[in-house]
């Protein structure tokens, strides 16, 4: 099952010691395990990404299985 969260970063907040490309951080999960993330400049862009990501639930992931 795919899930995603949107985190709103503080203005000029750095992640892992570097500036981000946007204040909205989308974390992507598959079956409860974090699989990726992206930064977006607007909440609308982040929300559209989440909707697109979740709509692909049940399709093959771009990730290799853990037992590969």
PDB file of N, CA and C in Angstrom:
ATOM      1  N   UNK A   1       0.840  -1.178   0.000  1.00  0.00           N
ATOM      2  CA  UNK A   1       0.000   0.000   0.000  1.00  0.00           C
ATOM      3  C   UNK A   1       0.886   1.243   0.000  1.00  0.00           C
ATOM      4  N   UNK A   2       0.569   2.165  -0.862  1.00  0.00           N
ATOM      5  CA  UNK A   2       1.330   3.417  -0.937  1.00  0.00           C
ATOM      6  C   UNK A   2       0.679   4.487  -0.074  1.00  0.00           C
ATOM      7  N   UNK A   3       1.534   5.225   0.608  1.00  0.00           N
ATOM      8  CA  UNK A   3       1.101   6.368   1.413  1.00  0.00           C
ATOM      9  C   UNK A   3       2.126   7.477   1.216  1.00  0.00           C
ATOM     10  N   UNK A   4       1.725   8.702   1.557  1.00  0.00           N
ATOM     11  CA  UNK A   4       2.652   9.828   1.473  1.00  0.00           C
ATOM     12  C   UNK A   4       2.256  10.877   2.507  1.00  0.00           C
ATOM     13  N   UNK A   5       3.246  11.616   2.967  1.00  0.00           N
ATOM     14  CA  UNK A   5       3.005  12.726   3.885  1.00  0.00           C
ATOM     15  C   UNK A   5       3.617  13.989   3.291  1.00  0.00           C
ATOM     16  N   UNK A   6       3.065  15.123   3.689  1.00  0.00           N
ATOM     17  CA  UNK A   6       3.624  16.417   3.294  1.00  0.00           C
ATOM     18  C   UNK A   6       4.071  17.127   4.556  1.00  0.00           C
ATOM     19  N   UNK A   7       5.347  17.496   4.605  1.00  0.00           N
ATOM     20  CA  UNK A   7       5.892  18.251   5.730  1.00  0.00           C
ATOM     21  C   UNK A   7       6.184  19.672   5.244  1.00  0.00           C
ATOM     22  N   UNK A   8       5.789  20.652   6.046  1.00  0.00           N
ATOM     23  CA  UNK A   8       6.057  22.049   5.709  1.00  0.00           C
ATOM     24  C   UNK A   8       7.313  22.476   6.471  1.00  0.00           C
ATOM     25  N   UNK A   9       8.325  22.848   5.721  1.00  0.00           N
ATOM     26  CA  UNK A   9       9.592  23.267   6.321  1.00  0.00           C
ATOM     27  C   UNK A   9       9.553  24.752   6.648  1.00  0.00           C
ATOM     28  N   UNK A  10      10.331  25.149   7.639  1.00  0.00           N
ATOM     29  CA  UNK A  10      10.478  26.562   7.959  1.00  0.00           C
ATOM     30  C   UNK A  10      11.211  27.258   6.824  1.00  0.00           C
ATOM     31  N   UNK A  11      10.948  28.536   6.668  1.00  0.00           N
ATOM     32  CA  UNK A  11      11.636  29.306   5.627  1.00  0.00           C
ATOM     33  C   UNK A  11      13.140  29.201   5.841  1.00  0.00           C
ATOM     34  N   UNK A  12      13.860  28.911   4.772  1.00  0.00           N
ATOM     35  CA  UNK A  12      15.327  28.767   4.777  1.00  0.00           C
ATOM     36  C   UNK A  12      15.824  27.588   5.605  1.00  0.00           C
ATOM     37  N   UNK A  13      14.934  26.659   5.954  1.00  0.00           N
ATOM     38  CA  UNK A  13      15.365  25.466   6.691  1.00  0.00           C
ATOM     39  C   UNK A  13      16.247  24.609   5.799  1.00  0.00           C
ATOM     40  N   UNK A  14      17.300  24.054   6.390  1.00  0.00           N
ATOM     41  CA  UNK A  14      18.205  23.199   5.638  1.00  0.00           C
ATOM     42  C   UNK A  14      17.927  21.750   6.025  1.00  0.00           C
ATOM     43  N   UNK A  15      18.095  20.852   5.060  1.00  0.00           N
ATOM     44  CA  UNK A  15      17.921  19.430   5.296  1.00  0.00           C
ATOM     45  C   UNK A  15      19.238  18.743   4.964  1.00  0.00           C
ATOM     46  N   UNK A  16      19.735  18.000   5.921  1.00  0.00           N
ATOM     47  CA  UNK A  16      21.035  17.333   5.783  1.00  0.00           C
ATOM     48  C   UNK A  16      22.128  18.343   5.442  1.00  0.00           C
ATOM     49  N   UNK A  17      22.006  19.541   6.006  1.00  0.00           N
ATOM     50  CA  UNK A  17      23.026  20.565   5.850  1.00  0.00           C
ATOM     51  C   UNK A  17      22.986  21.342   4.552  1.00  0.00           C
ATOM     52  N   UNK A  18      21.965  21.130   3.734  1.00  0.00           N
ATOM     53  CA  UNK A  18      21.878  21.846   2.468  1.00  0.00           C
ATOM     54  C   UNK A  18      20.495  22.467   2.289  1.00  0.00           C
ATOM     55  N   UNK A  19      20.410  23.560   1.527  1.00  0.00           N
ATOM     56  CA  UNK A  19      19.105  24.167   1.259  1.00  0.00           C
ATOM     57  C   UNK A  19      18.271  23.251   0.358  1.00  0.00           C
ATOM     58  N   UNK A  20      16.968  23.402   0.420  1.00  0.00           N
ATOM     59  CA  UNK A  20      16.073  22.580  -0.391  1.00  0.00           C
ATOM     60  C   UNK A  20      15.536  23.401  -1.562  1.00  0.00           C
ATOM     61  N   UNK A  21      14.901  22.732  -2.494  1.00  0.00           N
ATOM     62  CA  UNK A  21      14.327  23.412  -3.650  1.00  0.00           C
ATOM     63  C   UNK A  21      12.913  23.896  -3.372  1.00  0.00           C
ATOM     64  N   UNK A  22      12.387  23.616  -2.202  1.00  0.00           N
ATOM     65  CA  UNK A  22      11.048  24.059  -1.851  1.00  0.00           C
ATOM     66  C   UNK A  22      10.754  23.812  -0.379  1.00  0.00           C
ATOM     67  N   UNK A  23       9.685  24.429   0.110  1.00  0.00           N
ATOM     68  CA  UNK A  23       9.329  24.319   1.527  1.00  0.00           C
ATOM     69  C   UNK A  23       8.448  23.114   1.827  1.00  0.00           C
ATOM     70  N   UNK A  24       7.970  22.410   0.798  1.00  0.00           N
ATOM     71  CA  UNK A  24       7.045  21.294   1.007  1.00  0.00           C
ATOM     72  C   UNK A  24       7.762  19.990   0.685  1.00  0.00           C
ATOM     73  N   UNK A  25       7.912  19.163   1.717  1.00  0.00           N
ATOM     74  CA  UNK A  25       8.666  17.913   1.613  1.00  0.00           C
ATOM     75  C   UNK A  25       7.684  16.755   1.618  1.00  0.00           C
ATOM     76  N   UNK A  26       7.630  16.021   0.513  1.00  0.00           N
ATOM     77  CA  UNK A  26       6.765  14.845   0.414  1.00  0.00           C
ATOM     78  C   UNK A  26       7.611  13.611   0.689  1.00  0.00           C
ATOM     79  N   UNK A  27       7.185  12.822   1.674  1.00  0.00           N
ATOM     80  CA  UNK A  27       7.823  11.533   1.964  1.00  0.00           C
ATOM     81  C   UNK A  27       6.915  10.441   1.415  1.00  0.00           C
ATOM     82  N   UNK A  28       7.506   9.501   0.684  1.00  0.00           N
ATOM     83  CA  UNK A  28       6.753   8.423   0.056  1.00  0.00           C
ATOM     84  C   UNK A  28       7.017   7.114   0.796  1.00  0.00           C
ATOM     85  N   UNK A  29       5.958   6.338   1.012  1.00  0.00           N
ATOM     86  CA  UNK A  29       6.040   5.066   1.723  1.00  0.00           C
ATOM     87  C   UNK A  29       5.369   3.969   0.910  1.00  0.00           C
ATOM     88  N   UNK A  30       5.929   2.758   0.988  1.00  0.00           N
ATOM     89  CA  UNK A  30       5.297   1.556   0.436  1.00  0.00           C
ATOM     90  C   UNK A  30       5.281   0.516   1.534  1.00  0.00           C
ATOM     91  N   UNK A  31       4.089   0.019   1.832  1.00  0.00           N
ATOM     92  CA  UNK A  31       3.913  -0.986   2.879  1.00  0.00           C
ATOM     93  C   UNK A  31       4.565  -0.548   4.195  1.00  0.00           C
ATOM     94  N   UNK A  32       4.409   0.730   4.525  1.00  0.00           N
ATOM     95  CA  UNK A  32       4.914   1.273   5.778  1.00  0.00           C
ATOM     96  C   UNK A  32       6.385   1.622   5.796  1.00  0.00           C
ATOM     97  N   UNK A  33       7.108   1.356   4.713  1.00  0.00           N
ATOM     98  CA  UNK A  33       8.547   1.628   4.651  1.00  0.00           C
ATOM     99  C   UNK A  33       8.804   2.855   3.783  1.00  0.00           C
ATOM    100  N   UNK A  34       9.591   3.778   4.310  1.00  0.00           N
ATOM    101  CA  UNK A  34       9.901   4.981   3.532  1.00  0.00           C
ATOM    102  C   UNK A  34      10.726   4.598   2.310  1.00  0.00           C
ATOM    103  N   UNK A  35      10.278   5.077   1.135  1.00  0.00           N
ATOM    104  CA  UNK A  35      10.922   4.712  -0.117  1.00  0.00           C
ATOM    105  C   UNK A  35      11.495   5.888  -0.887  1.00  0.00           C
ATOM    106  N   UNK A  36      11.131   7.103  -0.518  1.00  0.00           N
ATOM    107  CA  UNK A  36      11.655   8.243  -1.250  1.00  0.00           C
ATOM    108  C   UNK A  36      11.026   9.532  -0.793  1.00  0.00           C
ATOM    109  N   UNK A  37      11.400  10.596  -1.446  1.00  0.00           N
ATOM    110  CA  UNK A  37      10.854  11.891  -1.107  1.00  0.00           C
ATOM    111  C   UNK A  37      11.257  12.943  -2.120  1.00  0.00           C
ATOM    112  N   UNK A  38      10.514  14.038  -2.113  1.00  0.00           N
ATOM    113  CA  UNK A  38      10.774  15.143  -3.037  1.00  0.00           C
ATOM    114  C   UNK A  38      10.394  16.455  -2.375  1.00  0.00           C
ATOM    115  N   UNK A  39      10.998  17.540  -2.843  1.00  0.00           N
ATOM    116  CA  UNK A  39      10.684  18.876  -2.357  1.00  0.00           C
ATOM    117  C   UNK A  39       9.922  19.633  -3.433  1.00  0.00           C
ATOM    118  N   UNK A  40       8.969  20.464  -3.006  1.00  0.00           N
ATOM    119  CA  UNK A  40       8.153  21.239  -3.929  1.00  0.00           C
ATOM    120  C   UNK A  40       8.045  22.669  -3.436  1.00  0.00           C
ATOM    121  N   UNK A  41       7.924  23.605  -4.375  1.00  0.00           N
ATOM    122  CA  UNK A  41       7.843  25.017  -4.028  1.00  0.00           C
ATOM    123  C   UNK A  41       6.455  25.424  -3.552  1.00  0.00           C
ATOM    124  N   UNK A  42       5.407  24.728  -4.004  1.00  0.00           N
ATOM    125  CA  UNK A  42       4.046  25.083  -3.594  1.00  0.00           C
ATOM    126  C   UNK A  42       3.329  23.871  -3.012  1.00  0.00           C
ATOM    127  N   UNK A  43       2.351  24.147  -2.166  1.00  0.00           N
ATOM    128  CA  UNK A  43       1.539  23.081  -1.591  1.00  0.00           C
ATOM    129  C   UNK A  43       0.744  22.383  -2.692  1.00  0.00           C
ATOM    130  N   UNK A  44       0.305  23.131  -3.691  1.00  0.00           N
ATOM    131  CA  UNK A  44      -0.453  22.538  -4.794  1.00  0.00           C
ATOM    132  C   UNK A  44       0.393  21.504  -5.546  1.00  0.00           C
ATOM    133  N   UNK A  45       1.662  21.834  -5.812  1.00  0.00           N
ATOM    134  CA  UNK A  45       2.555  20.873  -6.483  1.00  0.00           C
ATOM    135  C   UNK A  45       2.746  19.623  -5.628  1.00  0.00           C
ATOM    136  N   UNK A  46       2.950  19.822  -4.332  1.00  0.00           N
ATOM    137  CA  UNK A  46       3.137  18.686  -3.423  1.00  0.00           C
ATOM    138  C   UNK A  46       1.884  17.823  -3.379  1.00  0.00           C
ATOM    139  N   UNK A  47       0.726  18.449  -3.281  1.00  0.00           N
ATOM    140  CA  UNK A  47      -0.538  17.721  -3.222  1.00  0.00           C
ATOM    141  C   UNK A  47      -0.773  16.938  -4.510  1.00  0.00           C
ATOM    142  N   UNK A  48      -0.486  17.535  -5.658  1.00  0.00           N
ATOM    143  CA  UNK A  48      -0.634  16.836  -6.940  1.00  0.00           C
ATOM    144  C   UNK A  48       0.293  15.624  -7.013  1.00  0.00           C
ATOM    145  N   UNK A  49       1.519  15.776  -6.510  1.00  0.00           N
ATOM    146  CA  UNK A  49       2.467  14.662  -6.503  1.00  0.00           C
ATOM    147  C   UNK A  49       1.940  13.519  -5.633  1.00  0.00           C
ATOM    148  N   UNK A  50       1.434  13.855  -4.447  1.00  0.00           N
ATOM    149  CA  UNK A  50       0.889  12.836  -3.546  1.00  0.00           C
ATOM    150  C   UNK A  50      -0.271  12.097  -4.217  1.00  0.00           C
ATOM    151  N   UNK A  51      -1.186  12.831  -4.819  1.00  0.00           N
ATOM    152  CA  UNK A  51      -2.337  12.209  -5.484  1.00  0.00           C
ATOM    153  C   UNK A  51      -1.873  11.263  -6.593  1.00  0.00           C
ATOM    154  N   UNK A  52      -0.895  11.694  -7.387  1.00  0.00           N
ATOM    155  CA  UNK A  52      -0.369  10.857  -8.454  1.00  0.00           C
ATOM    156  C   UNK A  52       0.327   9.620  -7.897  1.00  0.00           C
ATOM    157  N   UNK A  53       1.118   9.796  -6.861  1.00  0.00           N
ATOM    158  CA  UNK A  53       1.852   8.685  -6.245  1.00  0.00           C
ATOM    159  C   UNK A  53       0.884   7.649  -5.680  1.00  0.00           C
ATOM    160  N   UNK A  54      -0.105   8.097  -4.939  1.00  0.00           N
ATOM    161  CA  UNK A  54      -1.058   7.174  -4.321  1.00  0.00           C
ATOM    162  C   UNK A  54      -1.927   6.490  -5.372  1.00  0.00           C
ATOM    163  N   UNK A  55      -2.234   7.183  -6.454  1.00  0.00           N
ATOM    164  CA  UNK A  55      -3.087   6.588  -7.486  1.00  0.00           C
ATOM    165  C   UNK A  55      -2.415   5.403  -8.176  1.00  0.00           C
ATOM    166  N   UNK A  56      -1.113   5.294  -8.065  1.00  0.00           N
ATOM    167  CA  UNK A  56      -0.385   4.172  -8.660  1.00  0.00           C
ATOM    168  C   UNK A  56      -0.276   2.990  -7.709  1.00  0.00           C
ATOM    169  N   UNK A  57      -1.004   3.020  -6.577  1.00  0.00           N
ATOM    170  CA  UNK A  57      -0.990   1.919  -5.614  1.00  0.00           C
ATOM    171  C   UNK A  57      -1.387   0.632  -6.319  1.00  0.00           C
ATOM    172  N   UNK A  58      -0.642  -0.421  -6.070  1.00  0.00           N
ATOM    173  CA  UNK A  58      -0.936  -1.700  -6.694  1.00  0.00           C
ATOM    174  C   UNK A  58      -0.119  -1.953  -7.950  1.00  0.00           C
ATOM    175  N   UNK A  59       0.492  -0.911  -8.502  1.00  0.00           N
ATOM    176  CA  UNK A  59       1.359  -1.088  -9.661  1.00  0.00           C
ATOM    177  C   UNK A  59       2.750  -1.465  -9.177  1.00  0.00           C
ATOM    178  N   UNK A  60       3.542  -2.007 -10.061  1.00  0.00           N
ATOM    179  CA  UNK A  60       4.901  -2.368  -9.703  1.00  0.00           C
ATOM    180  C   UNK A  60       5.680  -1.130  -9.295  1.00  0.00           C
ATOM    181  N   UNK A  61       6.448  -1.282  -8.259  1.00  0.00           N
ATOM    182  CA  UNK A  61       7.281  -0.195  -7.763  1.00  0.00           C
ATOM    183  C   UNK A  61       8.517  -0.051  -8.639  1.00  0.00           C
ATOM    184  N   UNK A  62       9.124   1.128  -8.576  1.00  0.00           N
ATOM    185  CA  UNK A  62      10.388   1.357  -9.292  1.00  0.00           C
ATOM    186  C   UNK A  62      11.577   0.807  -8.499  1.00  0.00           C
ATOM    187  N   UNK A  63      11.306   0.212  -7.349  1.00  0.00           N
ATOM    188  CA  UNK A  63      12.358  -0.280  -6.465  1.00  0.00           C
ATOM    189  C   UNK A  63      12.518  -1.784  -6.599  1.00  0.00           C
ATOM    190  N   UNK A  64      13.721  -2.244  -6.411  1.00  0.00           N
ATOM    191  CA  UNK A  64      13.983  -3.681  -6.417  1.00  0.00           C
ATOM    192  C   UNK A  64      13.450  -4.298  -5.140  1.00  0.00           C
ATOM    193  N   UNK A  65      12.982  -5.535  -5.180  1.00  0.00           N
ATOM    194  CA  UNK A  65      12.538  -6.188  -3.944  1.00  0.00           C
ATOM    195  C   UNK A  65      13.715  -6.352  -2.988  1.00  0.00           C
ATOM    196  N   UNK A  66      13.403  -6.412  -1.687  1.00  0.00           N
ATOM    197  CA  UNK A  66      14.455  -6.505  -0.676  1.00  0.00           C
ATOM    198  C   UNK A  66      15.281  -7.772  -0.817  1.00  0.00           C
ATOM    199  N   UNK A  67      14.696  -8.849  -1.333  1.00  0.00           N
ATOM    200  CA  UNK A  67      15.415 -10.119  -1.439  1.00  0.00           C
ATOM    201  C   UNK A  67      16.125 -10.286  -2.772  1.00  0.00           C
ATOM    202  N   UNK A  68      16.266  -9.185  -3.537  1.00  0.00           N
ATOM    203  CA  UNK A  68      16.903  -9.244  -4.848  1.00  0.00           C
ATOM    204  C   UNK A  68      18.368  -9.539  -4.717  1.00  0.00           C
TER     205      UNK A  68
END
